[in-house]
């Protein structure tokens, strides 16, 4: 089993003296986030991979919101 697990994945096991034993068990933590934008940690991850991409994603969401508001205003006038 790989020892370099992501921060949110932890191996279980060990003995009373603190020595780790390979039990073959892995704990997973599931997180859900809903909204028009990615979770802030995911957004930061995008920015780590492509600098400036978090700002681009925010601008994209703002433009989409402005477009939706404009379209709904036009439809409300009809």
N, C-alpha and C. Protein backbone atom coordinates (compact mmCIF):
# COMPACT_ATOMS: atom_id res chain seq x y z
N UNK A 1 0.86 -1.18 0.00
CA UNK A 1 0.00 0.00 0.00
C UNK A 1 0.90 1.24 0.00
N UNK A 2 0.61 2.24 -0.84
CA UNK A 2 1.47 3.43 -0.90
C UNK A 2 1.44 4.20 0.41
N UNK A 3 2.56 4.78 0.75
CA UNK A 3 2.67 5.55 1.99
C UNK A 3 2.40 7.03 1.76
N UNK A 4 2.45 7.50 0.54
CA UNK A 4 2.22 8.92 0.25
C UNK A 4 0.75 9.13 -0.09
N UNK A 5 -0.09 9.15 0.92
CA UNK A 5 -1.52 9.33 0.73
C UNK A 5 -1.86 10.80 0.80
N UNK A 6 -2.90 11.26 0.06
CA UNK A 6 -3.34 12.64 0.19
C UNK A 6 -3.73 12.95 1.63
N UNK A 7 -3.76 14.23 1.96
CA UNK A 7 -4.05 14.66 3.34
C UNK A 7 -5.37 14.13 3.88
N UNK A 8 -6.37 13.94 3.00
CA UNK A 8 -7.68 13.53 3.48
C UNK A 8 -7.87 12.01 3.48
N UNK A 9 -6.79 11.25 3.22
CA UNK A 9 -6.85 9.79 3.28
C UNK A 9 -5.82 9.33 4.30
N UNK A 10 -6.28 8.53 5.27
CA UNK A 10 -5.40 8.11 6.36
C UNK A 10 -5.45 6.60 6.49
N UNK A 11 -4.31 6.01 6.70
CA UNK A 11 -4.26 4.57 6.98
C UNK A 11 -4.61 4.34 8.44
N UNK A 12 -5.26 3.24 8.71
CA UNK A 12 -5.55 2.86 10.08
C UNK A 12 -4.63 1.72 10.46
N UNK A 13 -4.34 1.59 11.71
CA UNK A 13 -3.50 0.49 12.18
C UNK A 13 -2.46 1.00 13.15
N UNK A 14 -1.73 0.10 13.75
CA UNK A 14 -0.71 0.48 14.71
C UNK A 14 -0.88 -0.32 15.98
N UNK A 15 0.11 -0.27 16.80
CA UNK A 15 0.04 -1.00 18.05
C UNK A 15 0.17 -0.04 19.21
N UNK A 16 0.03 -0.54 20.42
CA UNK A 16 0.07 0.30 21.62
C UNK A 16 1.40 1.02 21.77
N UNK A 17 2.49 0.43 21.26
CA UNK A 17 3.79 1.09 21.40
C UNK A 17 4.06 2.11 20.30
N UNK A 18 3.06 2.36 19.44
CA UNK A 18 3.20 3.38 18.41
C UNK A 18 3.76 2.87 17.10
N UNK A 19 4.15 1.62 17.03
CA UNK A 19 4.65 1.06 15.78
C UNK A 19 3.48 0.79 14.85
N UNK A 20 3.65 1.21 13.61
CA UNK A 20 2.57 1.02 12.65
C UNK A 20 2.61 -0.40 12.09
N UNK A 21 1.45 -0.94 11.90
CA UNK A 21 1.33 -2.24 11.26
C UNK A 21 0.49 -2.04 10.01
N UNK A 22 0.85 -2.71 8.95
CA UNK A 22 0.08 -2.60 7.71
C UNK A 22 -1.15 -3.48 7.82
N UNK A 23 -2.29 -2.87 8.13
CA UNK A 23 -3.54 -3.62 8.28
C UNK A 23 -4.28 -3.73 6.96
N UNK A 24 -3.86 -2.96 5.97
CA UNK A 24 -4.54 -2.99 4.68
C UNK A 24 -5.81 -2.16 4.67
N UNK A 25 -6.10 -1.44 5.74
CA UNK A 25 -7.30 -0.62 5.81
C UNK A 25 -6.97 0.82 5.48
N UNK A 26 -7.89 1.48 4.80
CA UNK A 26 -7.75 2.89 4.46
C UNK A 26 -9.05 3.58 4.84
N UNK A 27 -8.96 4.74 5.49
CA UNK A 27 -10.14 5.54 5.81
C UNK A 27 -10.29 6.63 4.76
N UNK A 28 -11.49 6.84 4.30
CA UNK A 28 -11.78 7.90 3.35
C UNK A 28 -12.75 8.88 3.98
N UNK A 29 -12.54 10.14 3.71
CA UNK A 29 -13.45 11.18 4.16
C UNK A 29 -14.08 11.78 2.92
N UNK A 30 -15.38 11.76 2.86
CA UNK A 30 -16.10 12.30 1.71
C UNK A 30 -16.65 13.67 2.09
N UNK A 31 -16.37 14.65 1.25
CA UNK A 31 -16.89 15.99 1.47
C UNK A 31 -17.71 16.38 0.25
N UNK A 32 -18.82 17.04 0.49
CA UNK A 32 -19.64 17.54 -0.60
C UNK A 32 -19.75 19.04 -0.50
N UNK A 33 -19.79 19.67 -1.63
CA UNK A 33 -19.91 21.11 -1.69
C UNK A 33 -20.76 21.43 -2.90
N UNK A 34 -21.77 22.25 -2.72
CA UNK A 34 -22.64 22.62 -3.84
C UNK A 34 -22.64 24.13 -3.99
N UNK A 35 -22.64 24.55 -5.21
CA UNK A 35 -22.67 25.98 -5.48
C UNK A 35 -22.19 26.26 -6.89
N UNK A 36 -22.26 27.50 -7.29
CA UNK A 36 -21.84 27.83 -8.65
C UNK A 36 -20.33 27.80 -8.85
N UNK A 37 -19.59 27.79 -7.77
CA UNK A 37 -18.13 27.78 -7.84
C UNK A 37 -17.58 26.54 -7.15
N UNK A 38 -16.37 26.13 -7.51
CA UNK A 38 -15.77 25.01 -6.78
C UNK A 38 -15.49 25.39 -5.33
N UNK A 39 -15.33 24.39 -4.49
CA UNK A 39 -14.94 24.61 -3.10
C UNK A 39 -13.66 25.43 -3.10
N UNK A 40 -13.48 26.33 -2.13
CA UNK A 40 -12.28 27.17 -2.11
C UNK A 40 -10.96 26.40 -2.20
N UNK A 41 -10.89 25.24 -1.58
CA UNK A 41 -9.64 24.47 -1.66
C UNK A 41 -9.42 23.93 -3.07
N UNK A 42 -10.49 23.57 -3.75
CA UNK A 42 -10.38 23.11 -5.14
C UNK A 42 -9.98 24.29 -6.03
N UNK A 43 -10.59 25.44 -5.80
CA UNK A 43 -10.26 26.65 -6.56
C UNK A 43 -8.78 26.99 -6.38
N UNK A 44 -8.28 26.88 -5.16
CA UNK A 44 -6.86 27.12 -4.90
C UNK A 44 -6.00 26.10 -5.64
N UNK A 45 -6.48 24.87 -5.72
CA UNK A 45 -5.75 23.83 -6.46
C UNK A 45 -5.63 24.17 -7.93
N UNK A 46 -6.71 24.69 -8.52
CA UNK A 46 -6.63 25.13 -9.92
C UNK A 46 -5.56 26.21 -10.07
N UNK A 47 -5.54 27.13 -9.12
CA UNK A 47 -4.59 28.23 -9.19
C UNK A 47 -3.15 27.74 -9.01
N UNK A 48 -2.97 26.69 -8.24
CA UNK A 48 -1.63 26.11 -8.09
C UNK A 48 -1.14 25.50 -9.40
N UNK A 49 -2.05 24.88 -10.14
CA UNK A 49 -1.69 24.22 -11.39
C UNK A 49 -1.51 25.25 -12.51
N UNK A 50 -2.45 26.17 -12.61
CA UNK A 50 -2.40 27.22 -13.64
C UNK A 50 -2.56 28.56 -12.92
N UNK A 51 -1.47 29.26 -12.65
CA UNK A 51 -1.56 30.54 -11.94
C UNK A 51 -2.52 31.50 -12.64
N UNK A 52 -3.40 32.10 -11.85
CA UNK A 52 -4.39 33.03 -12.38
C UNK A 52 -5.71 32.38 -12.77
N UNK A 53 -5.76 31.05 -12.72
CA UNK A 53 -6.99 30.37 -13.14
C UNK A 53 -8.13 30.58 -12.16
N UNK A 54 -7.84 30.74 -10.87
CA UNK A 54 -8.92 30.99 -9.90
C UNK A 54 -9.63 32.30 -10.24
N UNK A 55 -8.86 33.32 -10.56
CA UNK A 55 -9.45 34.61 -10.95
C UNK A 55 -10.27 34.46 -12.23
N UNK A 56 -9.77 33.67 -13.17
CA UNK A 56 -10.51 33.45 -14.42
C UNK A 56 -11.83 32.74 -14.15
N UNK A 57 -11.82 31.76 -13.26
CA UNK A 57 -13.04 31.03 -12.92
C UNK A 57 -14.04 31.96 -12.24
N UNK A 58 -13.56 32.83 -11.35
CA UNK A 58 -14.46 33.80 -10.70
C UNK A 58 -15.06 34.76 -11.72
N UNK A 59 -14.24 35.25 -12.65
CA UNK A 59 -14.75 36.15 -13.69
C UNK A 59 -15.78 35.45 -14.56
N UNK A 60 -15.53 34.18 -14.88
CA UNK A 60 -16.47 33.42 -15.69
C UNK A 60 -17.82 33.31 -14.97
N UNK A 61 -17.80 33.02 -13.67
CA UNK A 61 -19.03 32.91 -12.89
C UNK A 61 -19.76 34.26 -12.83
N UNK A 62 -19.00 35.34 -12.68
CA UNK A 62 -19.61 36.68 -12.64
C UNK A 62 -20.26 37.02 -13.98
N UNK A 63 -19.58 36.71 -15.08
CA UNK A 63 -20.15 36.98 -16.41
C UNK A 63 -21.42 36.17 -16.64
N UNK A 64 -21.40 34.90 -16.21
CA UNK A 64 -22.58 34.05 -16.37
C UNK A 64 -23.75 34.60 -15.56
N UNK A 65 -23.48 35.09 -14.35
CA UNK A 65 -24.52 35.66 -13.51
C UNK A 65 -25.10 36.92 -14.17
N UNK A 66 -24.23 37.79 -14.68
CA UNK A 66 -24.70 39.00 -15.36
C UNK A 66 -25.56 38.63 -16.57
N UNK A 67 -25.14 37.64 -17.33
CA UNK A 67 -25.91 37.20 -18.50
C UNK A 67 -27.28 36.68 -18.09
N UNK A 68 -27.30 35.86 -17.04
CA UNK A 68 -28.58 35.30 -16.58
C UNK A 68 -29.52 36.39 -16.10
N UNK A 69 -29.00 37.34 -15.35
CA UNK A 69 -29.82 38.44 -14.86
C UNK A 69 -30.37 39.25 -16.03
N UNK A 70 -29.51 39.52 -17.03
CA UNK A 70 -29.95 40.26 -18.21
C UNK A 70 -31.03 39.52 -18.98
N UNK A 71 -30.85 38.24 -19.16
CA UNK A 71 -31.84 37.42 -19.88
C UNK A 71 -33.15 37.37 -19.13
N UNK A 72 -33.10 37.19 -17.83
CA UNK A 72 -34.32 37.15 -17.03
C UNK A 72 -35.03 38.49 -17.04
N UNK A 73 -34.27 39.58 -17.05
CA UNK A 73 -34.90 40.91 -17.12
C UNK A 73 -35.62 41.11 -18.43
N UNK A 74 -35.00 40.67 -19.54
CA UNK A 74 -35.65 40.76 -20.85
C UNK A 74 -36.94 39.93 -20.89
N UNK A 75 -36.88 38.74 -20.36
CA UNK A 75 -38.05 37.87 -20.37
C UNK A 75 -39.16 38.44 -19.47
N UNK A 76 -38.80 39.10 -18.40
CA UNK A 76 -39.80 39.66 -17.48
C UNK A 76 -40.53 40.83 -18.12
N UNK A 77 -39.89 41.52 -19.06
CA UNK A 77 -40.52 42.66 -19.75
C UNK A 77 -41.55 42.23 -20.77
N UNK A 78 -41.41 41.01 -21.28
CA UNK A 78 -42.32 40.54 -22.33
C UNK A 78 -43.69 40.22 -21.80
